[in-house]
Amino acid sequence: MRRFGKAMAALAVSACTLFGGVATANADENYYEGDLGSTKVGTPAVSDVGAHTANVSFDYQIDPSILPKVQSVCFAVEVMRVTSIKPINLPQFGGNPSHSLTSCSGGTSDGDLTSGSYQSIFGTKTWPVKLDEDVMSYATGQAFQSYDTDMWNHAASGTVQMPVIGLQSNTTYGNTGDLTDRDYTATWVKLLRRSEGVCKLADPTGASFACSNAYDQPVDVRTLYAGMRIVLKDGSAINFGQTAKPISDFTTKAEPTATPAEALPSKTDAKLDVANGHAEPGQTARVYVDNLKAEAKAKADANSLFWNAYIYSEPQALTGPNGSPFVQVQKEASTGKYYFDAVIPAGLPTGEHKISVQDENGTVQAWTPVTVGDAPAPVDKSKLTAAVDAAGKLSEKDYTADSWTPFAKALADAKAVAAKQDASQADVDAAVKALADAQAGLKKAETVPSKPVEPSKPDNGGNNKPSNNNKPANDKPAADDKKSESKNDEQSDLSKTGASVIGVAGILALLAVLAAGLLVVGKSRR
């Protein structure tokens, strides 16, 4: 979103140096004195005048011989409206009425305005009007410049749209002065000349003495110009006053009044929505605006859509967070939604209220109910978080495509709700149910059975006798263990063989004894 610029209060007209009775302004020390050629600003037009705002548009052109030398361009609107002057001294001066004090530096960006800075810049104030360092008079009224240093797109020509805020209701703005042969007359020249006139009015003789006894005199001194200040690459500057053109007089609308609650329309094209339908007293509420018409969107995109907002039951005007007596409709960068911010009055009773918004013509654009105070219970997302974590562990390959597709969508939606900071409890509960239903609908994918593996036949050289080695294949004995086992096996074989020999020898011995006995018996019988 492009900010519409900065505003700076002109509290003192003091950039004048006196040389032999001729005062020259020194706001631009490197004042460009070359030929401007076709560099100019077209006649400004005013539109969408409200009670405190107006939109100014104008064409511009930069001469082709100057364009390559340009470093930056600042578009500006200069506003002054003085209603009284208290003269102190009788000014004796000359000068260059086209040399402006608008330098396009300093000031406060629109996004940084506060209620305090808004009043100090745009409110009615009294400031000294100086010639060099000497105070000539005190002026009371408004004086500020609004400018934008980021709007130029390096084009040689184009159209500029500049919103002007800080105007007072039911008030005429424009130009006064007797230098009608010039497009621009510097504000300090106007004030010094009027100070001189008021001082002479206080002293009808016209004597040039101190006017310290003079009193505040009502005056009508107005300045309203649109133009551009061009800084060249060599450091010189084409002054605002060299291009500025007067803006035609216009009068702002009267202070708007709220449409009564009972007269709020039952149906509107635009729709309002407050986050969670809740706002806190003394805090800034963000109000979203849906279904804007194309014309309103274009103005909002140009940061020039200003409306008036109210809160009911008894309607009270809502101010912007920058202290403005209106609200500005803008586009939210992160979402692309249109919205306005408004400060809820600190003393507003808690309970049910309505917020409405009206355009510069007083037409109600939209309204919405809102609960003020008594914040709703905090949203509990613990069940949703647990459900999302559990669902995230499931694998797509385990389920059918037809059942996984709705489950995946429910999971994505649940994650979005879990991440949404302003999600309501109803949103969270609905996401939990939707995810549970989708998960319950998952169907296992059919598994294709694999071909059974036939047991391998033992490879023992055709000998189907079972092996005596029952050790696992991966349990290989160490070399020493093998030797030990081989030795033990040999001893075991030997012991078994020895036992067999002993057995045979015993039988043979018995037979020998029996044979011997038979021989003895046989001999005795003979």
Protein backbone atom coordinates (compact mmCIF):
# COMPACT_ATOMS: atom_id res chain seq x y z
CA MET A 1 0.00 0.00 0.00
CA ARG A 2 1.42 3.41 -0.93
CA ARG A 3 1.15 6.02 1.74
CA PHE A 4 -0.37 9.23 0.46
CA GLY A 5 2.48 11.33 1.79
CA LYS A 6 3.51 13.52 4.64
CA ALA A 7 2.17 16.64 6.26
CA MET A 8 4.15 19.39 7.90
CA ALA A 9 2.90 22.34 9.90
CA ALA A 10 4.21 25.76 8.91
CA LEU A 11 4.61 27.39 12.30
CA ALA A 12 6.88 30.21 11.34
CA VAL A 13 7.55 32.20 8.19
CA SER A 14 11.20 32.94 8.89
CA ALA A 15 13.22 31.83 5.86
CA CYS A 16 13.77 35.38 4.67
CA THR A 17 17.01 37.33 4.66
CA LEU A 18 17.08 41.10 4.37
CA PHE A 19 19.52 42.62 1.86
CA GLY A 20 19.26 46.42 1.45
CA GLY A 21 15.53 46.39 2.14
CA VAL A 22 14.83 43.42 -0.12
CA ALA A 23 13.97 40.09 1.47
CA THR A 24 14.68 36.88 -0.40
CA ALA A 25 13.71 33.43 0.76
CA ASN A 26 16.47 30.86 1.12
CA ALA A 27 14.53 27.60 1.41
CA ASP A 28 16.44 26.38 -1.69
CA GLU A 29 20.02 27.57 -1.48
CA ASN A 30 20.74 26.10 -4.93
CA TYR A 31 17.81 27.76 -6.64
CA TYR A 32 17.45 26.62 -10.28
CA GLU A 33 17.45 29.66 -12.52
CA GLY A 34 17.55 27.97 -15.93
CA ASP A 35 14.80 27.88 -18.50
CA LEU A 36 11.96 25.56 -17.42
CA GLY A 37 10.83 24.97 -20.97
CA SER A 38 7.59 22.97 -20.95
CA THR A 39 7.96 22.00 -17.27
CA LYS A 40 4.65 22.91 -15.71
CA VAL A 41 1.60 21.86 -13.72
CA GLY A 42 -1.91 21.95 -15.16
CA THR A 43 -4.93 23.57 -13.53
CA PRO A 44 -5.81 21.58 -10.39
CA ALA A 45 -9.29 20.11 -9.85
CA VAL A 46 -11.02 19.38 -6.56
CA SER A 47 -13.41 16.46 -5.95
CA ASP A 48 -14.96 14.41 -3.15
CA VAL A 49 -15.11 17.36 -0.79
CA GLY A 50 -16.11 16.24 2.69
CA ALA A 51 -16.20 17.98 6.04
CA HIS A 52 -12.47 17.45 6.65
CA THR A 53 -11.06 16.09 3.40
CA ALA A 54 -10.82 16.76 -0.33
CA ASN A 55 -9.09 15.15 -3.28
CA VAL A 56 -6.91 17.30 -5.54
CA SER A 57 -5.81 16.16 -9.00
CA PHE A 58 -3.60 17.83 -11.59
CA ASP A 59 -1.52 17.04 -14.65
CA TYR A 60 2.21 17.64 -14.78
CA GLN A 61 4.89 17.80 -17.45
CA ILE A 62 8.71 17.88 -17.33
CA ASP A 63 10.62 19.35 -20.26
CA PRO A 64 12.62 16.75 -22.25
CA SER A 65 15.80 18.79 -21.78
CA ILE A 66 15.37 18.67 -18.00
CA LEU A 67 14.13 15.10 -17.56
CA PRO A 68 17.56 13.38 -17.85
CA LYS A 69 18.88 15.71 -15.14
CA VAL A 70 16.08 14.94 -12.64
CA GLN A 71 16.95 13.09 -9.46
CA SER A 72 13.58 13.29 -7.65
CA VAL A 73 10.16 14.88 -7.91
CA CYS A 74 7.94 15.84 -4.98
CA PHE A 75 4.26 16.59 -5.54
CA ALA A 76 2.71 18.89 -2.94
CA VAL A 77 -0.31 20.89 -1.86
CA GLU A 78 0.22 24.02 0.22
CA VAL A 79 -2.61 25.13 2.53
CA MET A 80 -2.95 28.28 4.64
CA ARG A 81 -5.96 30.00 6.13
CA VAL A 82 -5.33 32.87 8.54
CA THR A 83 -8.26 34.49 10.35
CA SER A 84 -6.48 37.07 12.53
CA ILE A 85 -3.17 38.94 12.73
CA LYS A 86 -1.64 40.77 15.66
CA PRO A 87 0.96 43.24 14.24
CA ILE A 88 4.18 43.92 16.15
CA ASN A 89 6.32 45.90 13.71
CA LEU A 90 5.75 47.65 10.41
CA PRO A 91 7.41 45.43 7.78
CA GLN A 92 9.61 47.04 5.15
CA PHE A 93 10.38 44.39 2.56
CA GLY A 94 10.50 43.30 -1.02
CA GLY A 95 11.12 39.84 -2.34
CA ASN A 96 10.29 37.12 -4.78
CA PRO A 97 6.64 36.12 -4.39
CA SER A 98 7.22 32.88 -6.32
CA HIS A 99 9.78 31.42 -3.93
CA SER A 100 7.97 28.87 -1.77
CA LEU A 101 8.99 27.54 1.63
CA THR A 102 7.75 24.05 0.74
CA SER A 103 10.92 21.93 0.86
CA CYS A 104 9.39 18.41 0.91
CA SER A 105 11.44 17.46 3.96
CA GLY A 106 10.57 16.74 7.55
CA GLY A 107 6.99 16.37 8.67
CA THR A 108 5.03 13.32 9.72
CA SER A 109 4.07 10.41 7.49
CA ASP A 110 0.35 9.67 7.38
CA GLY A 111 0.91 6.24 8.92
CA ASP A 112 2.70 7.81 11.89
CA LEU A 113 0.09 10.40 12.78
CA THR A 114 -1.31 10.33 16.30
CA SER A 115 -4.12 12.26 17.93
CA GLY A 116 -1.52 14.69 19.28
CA SER A 117 0.41 15.21 16.06
CA TYR A 118 -2.79 15.46 14.01
CA GLN A 119 -3.92 18.44 16.06
CA SER A 120 -0.50 20.11 16.11
CA ILE A 121 -0.23 19.93 12.31
CA PHE A 122 -3.79 20.55 11.16
CA GLY A 123 -5.39 22.35 14.09
CA THR A 124 -5.76 26.11 14.56
CA LYS A 125 -2.61 27.64 16.02
CA THR A 126 -0.79 30.95 16.43
CA TRP A 127 2.74 31.41 15.09
CA PRO A 128 5.19 34.29 14.60
CA VAL A 129 5.65 35.86 11.19
CA LYS A 130 9.29 36.87 10.91
CA LEU A 131 11.46 38.95 8.66
CA ASP A 132 14.89 37.49 9.18
CA GLU A 133 14.90 37.03 12.97
CA ASP A 134 12.57 39.95 13.77
CA VAL A 135 8.92 39.18 14.57
CA MET A 136 6.62 41.29 12.43
CA SER A 137 3.31 39.88 13.64
CA TYR A 138 1.51 36.82 15.02
CA ALA A 139 -0.86 34.96 12.72
CA THR A 140 -3.67 32.67 13.87
CA GLY A 141 -5.15 29.97 11.64
CA GLN A 142 -4.06 26.85 9.75
CA ALA A 143 -0.86 26.42 7.77
CA PHE A 144 0.56 23.12 6.50
CA GLN A 145 1.89 21.35 3.42
CA SER A 146 1.00 17.84 2.27
CA TYR A 147 3.54 16.23 -0.03
CA ASP A 148 4.56 12.91 -1.55
CA THR A 149 8.10 12.03 -2.59
CA ASP A 150 7.33 8.46 -3.74
CA MET A 151 4.60 9.09 -6.30
CA TRP A 152 6.75 10.01 -9.29
CA ASN A 153 7.31 7.06 -11.65
CA HIS A 154 10.09 8.73 -13.70
CA ALA A 155 7.64 9.65 -16.45
CA ALA A 156 7.88 12.97 -18.28
CA SER A 157 4.16 13.59 -17.77
CA GLY A 158 1.18 12.19 -15.96
CA THR A 159 -1.74 12.87 -13.63
CA VAL A 160 -1.38 13.21 -9.87
CA GLN A 161 -4.09 12.38 -7.34
CA MET A 162 -3.42 13.90 -3.92
CA PRO A 163 -5.77 13.57 -0.95
CA VAL A 164 -5.77 16.52 1.43
CA ILE A 165 -6.80 15.90 5.04
CA GLY A 166 -6.94 18.17 8.08
CA LEU A 167 -9.50 20.61 6.69
CA GLN A 168 -12.06 22.21 8.96
CA SER A 169 -15.75 21.72 8.38
CA ASN A 170 -17.95 24.37 6.74
CA THR A 171 -14.88 26.42 5.83
CA THR A 172 -13.79 28.08 2.59
CA TYR A 173 -10.31 27.32 1.25
CA GLY A 174 -8.66 28.99 -1.71
CA ASN A 175 -6.52 32.04 -2.46
CA THR A 176 -6.51 35.72 -1.59
CA GLY A 177 -3.99 38.42 -2.50
CA ASP A 178 -3.36 41.31 -4.86
CA LEU A 179 -0.65 39.72 -7.02
CA THR A 180 -3.05 38.48 -9.65
CA ASP A 181 -0.45 38.41 -12.43
CA ARG A 182 1.30 35.41 -10.92
CA ASP A 183 0.32 31.75 -10.59
CA TYR A 184 1.89 31.60 -7.14
CA THR A 185 2.33 34.07 -4.33
CA ALA A 186 4.41 32.89 -1.40
CA THR A 187 2.60 32.52 1.91
CA TRP A 188 5.22 34.62 3.70
CA VAL A 189 4.70 37.45 1.24
CA LYS A 190 0.95 37.39 1.82
CA LEU A 191 1.35 37.43 5.60
CA LEU A 192 3.96 40.19 5.64
CA ARG A 193 1.84 42.38 3.36
CA ARG A 194 -1.24 41.78 5.46
CA SER A 195 0.76 42.48 8.62
CA GLU A 196 1.82 45.78 7.08
CA GLY A 197 -1.78 46.59 6.23
CA VAL A 198 -3.05 45.76 9.69
CA CYS A 199 -0.30 47.78 11.32
CA LYS A 200 -1.20 50.82 9.19
CA LEU A 201 -4.83 50.26 10.10
CA ALA A 202 -3.86 50.42 13.75
CA ASP A 203 -1.96 53.64 13.04
CA PRO A 204 -3.97 55.62 10.43
CA THR A 205 -1.08 58.04 9.91
CA GLY A 206 0.98 55.25 8.43
CA ALA A 207 4.06 56.19 10.45
CA SER A 208 6.71 53.44 10.53
CA PHE A 209 6.94 52.81 14.25
CA ALA A 210 6.43 49.78 16.45
CA CYS A 211 2.86 48.50 16.40
CA SER A 212 3.07 46.77 19.78
CA ASN A 213 -0.16 48.37 20.95
CA ALA A 214 -2.10 47.00 17.99
CA TYR A 215 -4.66 44.32 18.72
CA ASP A 216 -5.74 41.19 16.87
CA GLN A 217 -7.39 42.16 13.63
CA PRO A 218 -9.75 39.77 11.81
CA VAL A 219 -8.44 38.98 8.35
CA ASP A 220 -9.04 36.51 5.57
CA VAL A 221 -5.68 35.42 4.16
CA ARG A 222 -5.82 32.16 2.22
CA THR A 223 -3.33 30.10 0.21
CA LEU A 224 -4.12 26.91 -1.68
CA TYR A 225 -1.72 25.67 -4.39
CA ALA A 226 -0.74 22.39 -6.02
CA GLY A 227 2.59 21.85 -7.71
CA MET A 228 5.89 20.00 -7.73
CA ARG A 229 9.41 20.53 -6.48
CA ILE A 230 12.12 18.99 -8.68
CA VAL A 231 15.62 18.21 -7.41
CA LEU A 232 18.24 17.84 -10.12
CA LYS A 233 21.28 15.60 -10.05
CA ASP A 234 23.61 18.59 -9.68
CA GLY A 235 21.89 19.49 -6.37
CA SER A 236 19.91 22.44 -7.66
CA ALA A 237 16.11 22.53 -7.27
CA ILE A 238 13.16 23.81 -9.24
CA ASN A 239 11.17 25.45 -6.49
CA PHE A 240 7.55 24.54 -5.74
CA GLY A 241 6.56 28.14 -6.42
CA GLN A 242 7.96 27.96 -9.97
CA THR A 243 5.42 25.30 -10.96
CA ALA A 244 2.53 25.72 -8.51
CA LYS A 245 -0.95 26.60 -9.70
CA PRO A 246 -3.81 27.97 -7.58
CA ILE A 247 -6.63 25.64 -6.59
CA SER A 248 -10.08 27.11 -7.09
CA ASP A 249 -12.00 28.09 -3.97
CA PHE A 250 -14.23 25.47 -2.38
CA THR A 251 -16.11 25.14 0.88
CA THR A 252 -16.04 22.01 2.98
CA LYS A 253 -19.27 20.36 4.07
CA ALA A 254 -20.82 20.93 7.47
CA GLU A 255 -19.90 18.59 10.29
CA PRO A 256 -21.72 15.33 9.52
CA THR A 257 -24.43 13.93 11.75
CA ALA A 258 -25.15 10.29 12.40
CA THR A 259 -28.20 8.58 10.97
CA PRO A 260 -30.44 7.58 13.92
CA ALA A 261 -30.34 3.91 14.89
CA GLU A 262 -33.98 3.38 13.94
CA ALA A 263 -33.30 4.82 10.47
CA LEU A 264 -30.40 2.51 9.60
CA PRO A 265 -31.30 0.65 6.41
CA SER A 266 -32.15 -3.04 6.71
CA LYS A 267 -30.08 -3.83 3.62
CA THR A 268 -26.94 -2.26 2.19
CA ASP A 269 -24.65 -3.14 -0.70
CA ALA A 270 -21.48 -3.02 1.38
CA LYS A 271 -21.06 -5.24 4.44
CA LEU A 272 -19.17 -4.57 7.66
CA ASP A 273 -17.50 -7.19 9.83
CA VAL A 274 -15.64 -6.70 13.11
CA ALA A 275 -13.17 -9.47 13.97
CA ASN A 276 -14.96 -11.95 16.26
CA GLY A 277 -17.80 -9.42 16.48
CA HIS A 278 -16.06 -7.92 19.51
CA ALA A 279 -14.37 -4.63 20.42
CA GLU A 280 -12.82 -3.24 23.59
CA PRO A 281 -13.51 0.27 24.99
CA GLY A 282 -10.56 2.59 24.48
CA GLN A 283 -8.98 0.27 21.90
CA THR A 284 -8.71 0.41 18.11
CA ALA A 285 -11.09 -1.92 16.28
CA ARG A 286 -10.46 -3.13 12.75
CA VAL A 287 -13.65 -3.12 10.71
CA TYR A 288 -13.61 -4.97 7.38
CA VAL A 289 -15.67 -3.62 4.48
CA ASP A 290 -16.86 -6.18 1.93
CA ASN A 291 -18.58 -5.71 -1.41
CA LEU A 292 -17.33 -2.20 -2.10
CA LYS A 293 -18.41 -0.69 -5.38
CA ALA A 294 -15.78 -0.27 -8.09
CA GLU A 295 -15.59 3.50 -7.65
CA ALA A 296 -15.07 3.20 -3.91
CA LYS A 297 -12.40 0.52 -4.42
CA ALA A 298 -10.51 2.79 -6.80
CA LYS A 299 -10.49 5.57 -4.22
CA ALA A 300 -9.44 3.19 -1.46
CA ASP A 301 -6.59 1.91 -3.65
CA ALA A 302 -5.51 5.54 -4.11
CA ASN A 303 -5.69 6.11 -0.33
CA SER A 304 -8.39 8.74 -0.81
CA LEU A 305 -11.57 7.11 0.52
CA PHE A 306 -12.62 8.94 3.68
CA TRP A 307 -15.87 8.13 5.50
CA ASN A 308 -17.49 8.92 8.83
CA ALA A 309 -18.11 6.13 11.34
CA TYR A 310 -20.42 6.01 14.35
CA ILE A 311 -21.18 3.66 17.20
CA TYR A 312 -24.63 3.23 18.74
CA SER A 313 -26.93 2.88 20.86
CA GLU A 314 -26.68 6.64 21.24
CA PRO A 315 -24.60 7.48 18.16
CA GLN A 316 -21.09 8.75 18.81
CA ALA A 317 -18.58 9.69 16.12
CA LEU A 318 -15.59 7.40 15.90
CA THR A 319 -12.13 8.81 15.25
CA GLY A 320 -9.26 7.25 13.38
CA PRO A 321 -6.24 5.99 15.35
CA ASN A 322 -4.33 9.02 14.00
CA GLY A 323 -6.75 11.41 15.72
CA SER A 324 -8.67 12.29 12.57
CA PRO A 325 -12.42 13.00 12.92
CA PHE A 326 -13.06 10.49 10.11
CA VAL A 327 -11.94 7.00 9.10
CA GLN A 328 -9.92 6.02 6.04
CA VAL A 329 -10.84 2.91 4.06
CA GLN A 330 -7.71 1.09 2.89
CA LYS A 331 -6.63 -2.27 1.49
CA GLU A 332 -4.99 -4.72 3.87
CA ALA A 333 -1.71 -5.81 2.31
CA SER A 334 -1.67 -9.33 3.77
CA THR A 335 -5.24 -10.29 2.78
CA GLY A 336 -6.31 -7.85 0.08
CA LYS A 337 -9.41 -7.02 2.14
CA TYR A 338 -10.69 -3.47 2.57
CA TYR A 339 -10.98 -2.11 6.10
CA PHE A 340 -10.91 0.92 8.35
CA ASP A 341 -9.57 1.32 11.87
CA ALA A 342 -11.59 3.22 14.47
CA VAL A 343 -11.06 4.00 18.15
CA ILE A 344 -13.86 2.71 20.40
CA PRO A 345 -14.72 5.36 23.04
CA ALA A 346 -13.18 4.53 26.42
CA GLY A 347 -16.33 5.27 28.40
CA LEU A 348 -18.67 3.24 26.21
CA PRO A 349 -20.90 0.86 28.25
CA THR A 350 -20.26 -2.82 27.70
CA GLY A 351 -22.88 -4.76 25.81
CA GLU A 352 -24.43 -4.88 22.36
CA HIS A 353 -23.88 -1.92 20.00
CA LYS A 354 -23.84 -1.12 16.29
CA ILE A 355 -21.16 0.43 14.10
CA SER A 356 -22.19 2.32 10.96
CA VAL A 357 -20.23 4.12 8.27
CA GLN A 358 -21.42 7.00 6.04
CA ASP A 359 -19.87 8.57 2.95
CA GLU A 360 -19.09 12.28 2.52
CA ASN A 361 -22.71 12.88 1.49
CA GLY A 362 -24.12 11.33 4.67
CA THR A 363 -25.37 8.14 2.98
CA VAL A 364 -25.12 5.04 5.15
CA GLN A 365 -22.88 2.57 3.33
CA ALA A 366 -23.10 -0.29 5.83
CA TRP A 367 -23.54 -1.18 9.50
CA THR A 368 -22.97 -4.19 11.75
CA PRO A 369 -23.68 -5.30 15.32
CA VAL A 370 -20.72 -5.47 17.69
CA THR A 371 -20.22 -6.56 21.29
CA VAL A 372 -18.23 -4.07 23.34
CA GLY A 373 -16.39 -5.37 26.42
CA ASP A 374 -16.88 -8.75 28.10
CA ALA A 375 -14.44 -10.48 25.82
CA PRO A 376 -15.47 -14.01 24.82
CA ALA A 377 -13.76 -16.99 26.41
CA PRO A 378 -10.41 -17.83 24.84
CA VAL A 379 -10.61 -20.32 21.99
CA ASP A 380 -9.42 -23.83 22.92
CA LYS A 381 -7.48 -25.40 20.04
CA SER A 382 -5.97 -28.32 21.97
CA LYS A 383 -8.28 -30.97 20.45
CA LEU A 384 -7.73 -29.59 16.97
CA THR A 385 -3.96 -29.59 17.42
CA ALA A 386 -4.00 -33.20 18.67
CA ALA A 387 -6.24 -34.30 15.80
CA VAL A 388 -4.00 -32.61 13.22
CA ASP A 389 -0.88 -34.21 14.72
CA ALA A 390 -2.45 -37.68 14.71
CA ALA A 391 -3.82 -37.34 11.18
CA GLY A 392 -0.45 -36.13 9.92
CA LYS A 393 1.12 -39.48 10.79
CA LEU A 394 -1.08 -41.40 8.35
CA SER A 395 0.39 -42.44 4.99
CA GLU A 396 -1.42 -41.96 1.69
CA LYS A 397 -0.14 -45.26 0.29
CA ASP A 398 -2.08 -47.20 2.92
CA TYR A 399 -5.50 -45.95 1.77
CA THR A 400 -7.58 -45.76 -1.38
CA ALA A 401 -7.37 -42.61 -3.48
CA ASP A 402 -11.13 -41.98 -3.25
CA SER A 403 -11.06 -41.96 0.54
CA TRP A 404 -7.74 -40.14 0.88
CA THR A 405 -8.74 -37.09 -1.21
CA PRO A 406 -11.48 -35.79 1.15
CA PHE A 407 -9.31 -36.66 4.14
CA ALA A 408 -6.39 -34.63 2.76
CA LYS A 409 -8.68 -31.64 2.19
CA ALA A 410 -10.10 -31.88 5.71
CA LEU A 411 -6.57 -32.04 7.10
CA ALA A 412 -5.49 -28.96 5.12
CA ASP A 413 -8.58 -27.06 6.27
CA ALA A 414 -7.94 -28.08 9.88
CA LYS A 415 -4.36 -26.83 9.68
CA ALA A 416 -5.59 -23.50 8.31
CA VAL A 417 -8.06 -23.08 11.17
CA ALA A 418 -5.37 -24.03 13.70
CA ALA A 419 -3.10 -21.31 12.29
CA LYS A 420 -5.84 -18.66 12.12
CA GLN A 421 -5.43 -16.29 15.06
CA ASP A 422 -9.00 -15.00 15.05
CA ALA A 423 -10.67 -18.38 14.56
CA SER A 424 -13.78 -18.76 16.72
CA GLN A 425 -14.50 -21.76 18.93
CA ALA A 426 -17.22 -22.76 16.49
CA ASP A 427 -14.67 -22.75 13.66
CA VAL A 428 -12.30 -24.93 15.69
CA ASP A 429 -14.98 -27.43 16.73
CA ALA A 430 -16.25 -27.71 13.16
CA ALA A 431 -12.72 -28.39 11.90
CA VAL A 432 -12.22 -31.13 14.51
CA LYS A 433 -15.48 -32.84 13.50
CA ALA A 434 -14.78 -32.55 9.76
CA LEU A 435 -11.33 -34.08 10.19
CA ALA A 436 -12.66 -36.90 12.37
CA ASP A 437 -15.40 -37.71 9.86
CA ALA A 438 -12.94 -37.74 6.97
CA GLN A 439 -10.53 -39.90 8.91
CA ALA A 440 -13.30 -42.35 9.77
CA GLY A 441 -14.08 -42.62 6.07
CA LEU A 442 -10.59 -43.76 5.12
CA LYS A 443 -10.50 -47.19 3.46
CA LYS A 444 -7.50 -49.44 3.53
CA ALA A 445 -5.91 -50.08 0.17
CA GLU A 446 -6.06 -53.77 -0.98
CA THR A 447 -2.71 -55.55 -0.65
CA VAL A 448 -1.61 -57.98 -3.44
CA PRO A 449 -0.40 -61.29 -1.82
CA SER A 450 3.14 -62.19 -2.71
CA LYS A 451 4.08 -65.66 -4.26
CA PRO A 452 5.02 -68.16 -1.50
CA VAL A 453 8.67 -69.13 -1.39
CA GLU A 454 9.44 -72.90 -1.56
CA PRO A 455 11.79 -74.14 1.14
CA SER A 456 15.27 -74.74 -0.21
CA LYS A 457 16.65 -78.30 -0.37
CA PRO A 458 19.73 -79.03 1.73
CA ASP A 459 22.90 -79.03 -0.30
CA ASN A 460 24.93 -81.89 1.31
CA GLY A 461 26.17 -83.73 -1.70
CA GLY A 462 23.10 -85.93 -2.05
CA ASN A 463 23.25 -87.06 1.57
CA ASN A 464 19.87 -86.39 3.11
CA LYS A 465 20.97 -87.22 6.57
CA PRO A 466 20.48 -84.44 9.01
CA SER A 467 23.54 -82.49 9.93
CA ASN A 468 24.91 -82.77 13.41
CA ASN A 469 25.82 -79.08 13.35
CA ASN A 470 22.90 -77.23 14.93
CA LYS A 471 24.70 -73.91 15.38
CA PRO A 472 23.31 -70.82 13.60
CA ALA A 473 25.03 -69.91 10.34
CA ASN A 474 26.17 -66.59 11.67
CA ASP A 475 27.58 -68.04 14.87
CA LYS A 476 31.04 -68.97 13.59
CA PRO A 477 33.52 -70.25 16.18
CA ALA A 478 36.90 -68.72 16.51
CA ALA A 479 40.00 -70.47 15.19
CA ASP A 480 41.12 -71.60 18.69
CA ASP A 481 37.66 -72.90 19.41
CA LYS A 482 37.76 -74.96 16.20
CA LYS A 483 41.08 -76.53 17.25
CA SER A 484 39.71 -77.27 20.70
CA GLU A 485 36.59 -78.82 19.25
CA SER A 486 38.68 -80.94 16.79
CA LYS A 487 40.91 -82.22 19.62
CA ASN A 488 37.96 -83.09 21.78
CA ASP A 489 36.37 -84.91 18.88
CA GLU A 490 39.57 -86.98 18.39
CA GLN A 491 39.69 -87.87 22.09
CA SER A 492 36.07 -88.84 21.99
CA ASP A 493 36.65 -91.11 18.98
CA LEU A 494 39.66 -92.71 20.61
CA SER A 495 37.85 -93.39 23.84
CA LYS A 496 35.01 -95.01 21.97
CA THR A 497 37.43 -97.19 19.97
CA GLY A 498 39.30 -98.21 23.10
CA ALA A 499 36.13 -99.31 24.76
CA SER A 500 35.32 -101.50 21.81
CA VAL A 501 38.78 -103.15 21.89
CA ILE A 502 38.50 -103.83 25.59
CA GLY A 503 35.16 -105.47 25.06
CA VAL A 504 36.47 -107.82 22.36
CA ALA A 505 39.56 -108.74 24.39
CA GLY A 506 37.40 -109.69 27.33
CA ILE A 507 35.31 -112.08 25.26
CA LEU A 508 38.39 -113.66 23.77
CA ALA A 509 39.89 -114.10 27.26
CA LEU A 510 36.70 -115.81 28.48
CA LEU A 511 36.72 -118.16 25.56
CA ALA A 512 40.37 -118.97 26.26
CA VAL A 513 39.55 -119.85 29.87
CA LEU A 514 36.67 -122.04 28.86
CA ALA A 515 38.85 -123.81 26.30
CA ALA A 516 41.54 -124.38 28.88
CA GLY A 517 39.01 -125.89 31.19
CA LEU A 518 37.78 -128.26 28.57
CA LEU A 519 41.29 -129.36 27.87
CA VAL A 520 41.87 -130.09 31.56
CA VAL A 521 38.67 -132.06 31.83
CA GLY A 522 39.45 -133.93 28.73
CA LYS A 523 42.82 -134.94 29.97
CA SER A 524 41.51 -136.22 33.29
CA ARG A 525 39.01 -138.46 31.59
CA ARG A 526 41.70 -140.21 29.76
